[in-house]
Protein backbone atom coordinates (compact mmCIF):
# COMPACT_ATOMS: atom_id res chain seq x y z
CA MET A 1 2.00 -16.27 -11.96
CA HIS A 2 -0.84 -14.45 -13.42
CA GLU A 3 -0.30 -16.07 -16.73
CA ARG A 4 -0.68 -19.23 -15.04
CA GLU A 5 -3.82 -18.46 -13.17
CA ILE A 6 -2.03 -18.76 -9.88
CA ASN A 7 -3.67 -16.49 -7.16
CA ILE A 8 -1.49 -15.69 -4.51
CA ALA A 9 -2.03 -12.52 -2.44
CA THR A 10 1.02 -10.43 -2.60
CA VAL A 11 1.72 -7.74 -0.03
CA ALA A 12 4.55 -5.14 -0.24
CA VAL A 13 6.36 -4.79 3.02
CA GLY A 14 9.32 -2.59 4.21
CA GLY A 15 10.15 1.09 4.07
CA ILE A 16 7.04 2.07 2.15
CA LEU A 17 6.50 5.87 1.88
CA PRO A 18 3.43 7.66 0.45
CA GLU A 19 5.30 8.18 -2.77
CA ASP A 20 5.53 4.39 -3.18
CA VAL A 21 1.78 3.88 -3.00
CA ALA A 22 0.86 4.44 -6.66
CA PRO A 23 3.67 2.58 -8.16
CA LEU A 24 3.31 -0.48 -5.88
CA MET A 25 -0.63 -0.70 -6.35
CA GLU A 26 -0.05 -0.32 -10.10
CA SER A 27 2.36 -3.15 -10.09
CA GLY A 28 -0.54 -5.41 -8.96
CA VAL A 29 0.13 -6.06 -5.20
CA ASN A 30 -2.93 -6.75 -3.23
CA GLY A 31 -1.74 -4.57 -0.38
CA ILE A 32 0.88 -2.58 1.19
CA ALA A 33 2.21 -2.79 4.90
CA VAL A 34 2.91 0.79 6.17
CA SER A 35 2.94 0.28 9.95
CA GLY A 36 6.43 1.92 10.33
CA ALA A 37 5.49 4.75 8.25
CA ILE A 38 2.63 5.63 10.40
CA ALA A 39 3.92 4.58 13.84
CA PHE A 40 7.18 6.75 13.33
CA ALA A 41 5.42 9.56 11.63
CA PRO A 42 5.49 12.93 13.57
CA ASP A 43 1.69 12.97 13.20
CA ILE A 44 0.23 9.68 13.18
CA LYS A 45 -3.33 10.74 12.39
CA ALA A 46 -2.08 12.97 9.29
CA ALA A 47 -0.04 9.87 8.10
CA THR A 48 -2.74 7.46 8.34
CA GLU A 49 -5.10 10.04 6.50
CA GLU A 50 -2.52 10.41 3.73
CA PHE A 51 -2.17 6.83 3.23
CA LEU A 52 -5.89 6.17 3.14
CA ARG A 53 -6.26 8.96 0.76
CA LEU A 54 -3.69 7.60 -1.67
CA LEU A 55 -5.18 3.91 -1.57
CA GLU A 56 -8.78 5.26 -2.44
CA PRO A 57 -8.34 4.92 -6.16
CA TYR A 58 -7.38 1.26 -5.67
CA GLU A 59 -10.23 0.17 -3.15
CA LYS A 60 -12.14 -2.87 -4.63
CA LYS A 61 -15.87 -2.27 -4.73
């Protein structure tokens, strides 16, 4: 779609773990849905902080 200049937001959904963040973001997705990974984590705050830290390099400024 990129070669045809079609701009559709893409979001990766389903079973995403911290180790998936970099490969997914580098694939060109616009975002990731990680509600399950956070909601079912033993420490919700730590899981949220880890995902936020991993996403920092991909923030659009």
